[in-house]
C-alpha atoms as a PDB file:
ATOM      1  CA  MET A   1       8.806  36.606  14.449  1.00  0.00           C
ATOM      2  CA  ALA A   2       8.279  35.382  18.000  1.00  0.00           C
ATOM      3  CA  VAL A   3      10.409  32.532  19.297  1.00  0.00           C
ATOM      4  CA  ILE A   4       8.545  30.663  22.031  1.00  0.00           C
ATOM      5  CA  ALA A   5       9.778  27.987  24.461  1.00  0.00           C
ATOM      6  CA  ILE A   6       7.530  25.402  26.105  1.00  0.00           C
ATOM      7  CA  PRO A   7       8.794  22.965  28.794  1.00  0.00           C
ATOM      8  CA  LEU A   8       8.092  19.315  27.935  1.00  0.00           C
ATOM      9  CA  LYS A   9       7.875  16.025  29.809  1.00  0.00           C
ATOM     10  CA  ASP A  10       8.467  14.006  26.632  1.00  0.00           C
ATOM     11  CA  ASN A  11       9.516  14.343  22.997  1.00  0.00           C
ATOM     12  CA  ASN A  12       6.340  13.663  21.004  1.00  0.00           C
ATOM     13  CA  GLY A  13       6.011  16.763  18.821  1.00  0.00           C
ATOM     14  CA  MET A  14       2.719  18.644  19.178  1.00  0.00           C
ATOM     15  CA  ASP A  15       1.396  15.780  21.329  1.00  0.00           C
ATOM     16  CA  SER A  16       4.157  16.299  23.912  1.00  0.00           C
ATOM     17  CA  HIS A  17       3.000  16.813  27.482  1.00  0.00           C
ATOM     18  CA  VAL A  18       3.671  20.190  29.093  1.00  0.00           C
ATOM     19  CA  ASN A  19       5.932  19.913  32.140  1.00  0.00           C
ATOM     20  CA  GLU A  20       4.766  21.875  35.190  1.00  0.00           C
ATOM     21  CA  HIS A  21       8.319  21.881  36.614  1.00  0.00           C
ATOM     22  CA  PHE A  22       9.944  24.376  34.283  1.00  0.00           C
ATOM     23  CA  SER A  23      13.668  24.162  35.125  1.00  0.00           C
ATOM     24  CA  ARG A  24      13.592  20.360  35.461  1.00  0.00           C
ATOM     25  CA  SER A  25      11.969  19.762  32.070  1.00  0.00           C
ATOM     26  CA  PRO A  26      13.946  17.179  30.092  1.00  0.00           C
ATOM     27  CA  PHE A  27      12.947  18.834  26.783  1.00  0.00           C
ATOM     28  CA  PHE A  28      11.798  22.174  25.419  1.00  0.00           C
ATOM     29  CA  MET A  29       9.903  22.919  22.264  1.00  0.00           C
ATOM     30  CA  ILE A  30      11.287  25.942  20.450  1.00  0.00           C
ATOM     31  CA  TYR A  31       8.408  27.251  18.378  1.00  0.00           C
ATOM     32  CA  LEU A  32       8.681  29.901  15.656  1.00  0.00           C
ATOM     33  CA  ASP A  33       5.254  31.485  15.873  1.00  0.00           C
ATOM     34  CA  SER A  34       5.270  33.324  12.546  1.00  0.00           C
ATOM     35  CA  GLU A  35       6.250  30.211  10.589  1.00  0.00           C
ATOM     36  CA  LYS A  36       4.380  27.648  12.719  1.00  0.00           C
ATOM     37  CA  GLU A  37       7.554  25.533  12.824  1.00  0.00           C
ATOM     38  CA  HIS A  38       9.182  23.890  15.808  1.00  0.00           C
ATOM     39  CA  LYS A  39      12.133  21.896  17.038  1.00  0.00           C
ATOM     40  CA  ILE A  40      12.571  20.018  20.281  1.00  0.00           C
ATOM     41  CA  ILE A  41      15.797  20.397  22.225  1.00  0.00           C
ATOM     42  CA  GLU A  42      17.119  18.450  25.175  1.00  0.00           C
ATOM     43  CA  ASN A  43      17.555  20.426  28.391  1.00  0.00           C
ATOM     44  CA  SER A  44      21.153  19.633  29.342  1.00  0.00           C
ATOM     45  CA  ALA A  45      20.658  21.637  32.563  1.00  0.00           C
ATOM     46  CA  ALA A  46      17.560  19.735  33.751  1.00  0.00           C
ATOM     47  CA  PHE A  47      19.251  18.154  36.743  1.00  0.00           C
ATOM     48  CA  THR A  48      21.794  20.799  37.631  1.00  0.00           C
ATOM     49  CA  PRO A  49      21.244  23.020  40.670  1.00  0.00           C
ATOM     50  CA  GLY A  50      19.409  26.275  40.051  1.00  0.00           C
ATOM     51  CA  HIS A  51      17.555  27.558  37.035  1.00  0.00           C
ATOM     52  CA  GLU A  52      20.204  29.627  35.260  1.00  0.00           C
ATOM     53  CA  GLY A  53      21.389  26.825  32.975  1.00  0.00           C
ATOM     54  CA  THR A  54      17.889  26.193  31.669  1.00  0.00           C
ATOM     55  CA  ILE A  55      17.170  29.889  31.025  1.00  0.00           C
ATOM     56  CA  ASP A  56      20.602  30.363  29.416  1.00  0.00           C
ATOM     57  CA  LEU A  57      19.895  27.420  27.082  1.00  0.00           C
ATOM     58  CA  LEU A  58      16.671  29.088  25.974  1.00  0.00           C
ATOM     59  CA  LYS A  59      18.444  32.424  25.481  1.00  0.00           C
ATOM     60  CA  GLN A  60      21.012  30.647  23.262  1.00  0.00           C
ATOM     61  CA  ASN A  61      18.050  29.516  21.136  1.00  0.00           C
ATOM     62  CA  ASP A  62      16.808  33.131  20.750  1.00  0.00           C
ATOM     63  CA  VAL A  63      13.704  32.549  22.888  1.00  0.00           C
ATOM     64  CA  GLU A  64      11.626  35.685  23.459  1.00  0.00           C
ATOM     65  CA  SER A  65       8.616  34.171  25.256  1.00  0.00           C
ATOM     66  CA  ILE A  66       8.034  31.231  27.566  1.00  0.00           C
ATOM     67  CA  LEU A  67       4.639  29.511  27.720  1.00  0.00           C
ATOM     68  CA  CYS A  68       4.340  27.338  30.809  1.00  0.00           C
ATOM     69  CA  SER A  69       2.038  25.715  33.336  1.00  0.00           C
ATOM     70  CA  GLY A  70       4.349  26.341  36.281  1.00  0.00           C
ATOM     71  CA  ILE A  71       7.555  28.239  37.022  1.00  0.00           C
ATOM     72  CA  GLY A  72       9.320  29.105  40.241  1.00  0.00           C
ATOM     73  CA  PRO A  73      10.181  32.640  41.344  1.00  0.00           C
ATOM     74  CA  GLY A  74      13.928  32.325  40.684  1.00  0.00           C
ATOM     75  CA  ALA A  75      13.466  31.132  37.106  1.00  0.00           C
ATOM     76  CA  LEU A  76      10.779  33.764  36.548  1.00  0.00           C
ATOM     77  CA  ASP A  77      13.015  36.577  37.811  1.00  0.00           C
ATOM     78  CA  TYR A  78      15.982  35.440  35.704  1.00  0.00           C
ATOM     79  CA  ALA A  79      13.860  35.061  32.546  1.00  0.00           C
ATOM     80  CA  GLN A  80      12.475  38.558  33.045  1.00  0.00           C
ATOM     81  CA  GLU A  81      15.978  39.907  33.692  1.00  0.00           C
ATOM     82  CA  LEU A  82      16.919  38.563  30.236  1.00  0.00           C
ATOM     83  CA  LYS A  83      13.821  40.266  28.760  1.00  0.00           C
ATOM     84  CA  MET A  84      11.868  37.053  28.160  1.00  0.00           C
ATOM     85  CA  ARG A  85       8.087  37.290  28.409  1.00  0.00           C
ATOM     86  CA  VAL A  86       6.573  34.570  30.607  1.00  0.00           C
ATOM     87  CA  CYS A  87       2.962  33.463  30.067  1.00  0.00           C
ATOM     88  CA  PHE A  88       1.039  31.013  32.215  1.00  0.00           C
ATOM     89  CA  GLY A  89      -1.812  28.639  31.441  1.00  0.00           C
ATOM     90  CA  ARG A  90      -2.826  25.108  32.413  1.00  0.00           C
ATOM     91  CA  ALA A  91      -2.673  22.656  29.520  1.00  0.00           C
ATOM     92  CA  LYS A  92      -1.771  18.997  29.091  1.00  0.00           C
ATOM     93  CA  SER A  93      -0.301  19.121  25.583  1.00  0.00           C
ATOM     94  CA  VAL A  94       1.816  21.585  23.629  1.00  0.00           C
ATOM     95  CA  GLY A  95      -0.893  21.845  20.983  1.00  0.00           C
ATOM     96  CA  GLU A  96      -3.463  22.824  23.619  1.00  0.00           C
ATOM     97  CA  LEU A  97      -1.142  25.449  25.154  1.00  0.00           C
ATOM     98  CA  LEU A  98      -0.389  26.977  21.743  1.00  0.00           C
ATOM     99  CA  GLU A  99      -4.111  27.125  20.941  1.00  0.00           C
ATOM    100  CA  MET A 100      -4.730  28.909  24.243  1.00  0.00           C
ATOM    101  CA  ASN A 101      -1.954  31.353  23.339  1.00  0.00           C
ATOM    102  CA  ASP A 102      -3.464  32.000  19.890  1.00  0.00           C
ATOM    103  CA  ARG A 103      -6.833  32.765  21.526  1.00  0.00           C
ATOM    104  CA  GLY A 104      -5.187  35.171  23.998  1.00  0.00           C
ATOM    105  CA  GLU A 105      -6.113  33.040  27.008  1.00  0.00           C
ATOM    106  CA  LEU A 106      -2.692  32.945  28.692  1.00  0.00           C
ATOM    107  CA  GLU A 107      -1.845  35.195  31.619  1.00  0.00           C
ATOM    108  CA  ASP A 108       1.319  37.307  31.483  1.00  0.00           C
ATOM    109  CA  VAL A 109       3.309  36.697  34.652  1.00  0.00           C
ATOM    110  CA  ILE A 110       4.758  39.911  36.028  1.00  0.00           C
ATOM    111  CA  ASP A 111       5.233  39.494  39.784  1.00  0.00           C
ATOM    112  CA  GLY A 112       5.069  36.501  42.045  1.00  0.00           C
ATOM    113  CA  SER A 113       5.098  32.837  41.145  1.00  0.00           C
ATOM    114  CA  PRO A 114       2.417  30.957  39.243  1.00  0.00           C
ATOM    115  CA  CYS A 115       3.961  27.670  40.335  1.00  0.00           C
ATOM    116  CA  ILE A 116       1.094  25.902  42.078  1.00  0.00           C
END
């Protein structure tokens, strides 16, 4: 069972917009891939300095993979330090990003920053 996190601009279920600014996302979708179920959580660390609070929140929710459309190098390094897989792809909605993931179209981020 993979637990996936996706940064969101709003709280509209599968129609939510993907936030390109990972650590500042007001919400995250926590998606259980094997069961196709999700919940949306508020990012209490969205406006605190740094990225650790956001990554720690995801770790507390058992996240194993992050699907995103932008992430800075500090957040990327910390996520990888905590053994979270980070995948990158441009999408407007959560549903679109998950479909891209299902088709294997997302790029695994290993080094550097995909934040454009």
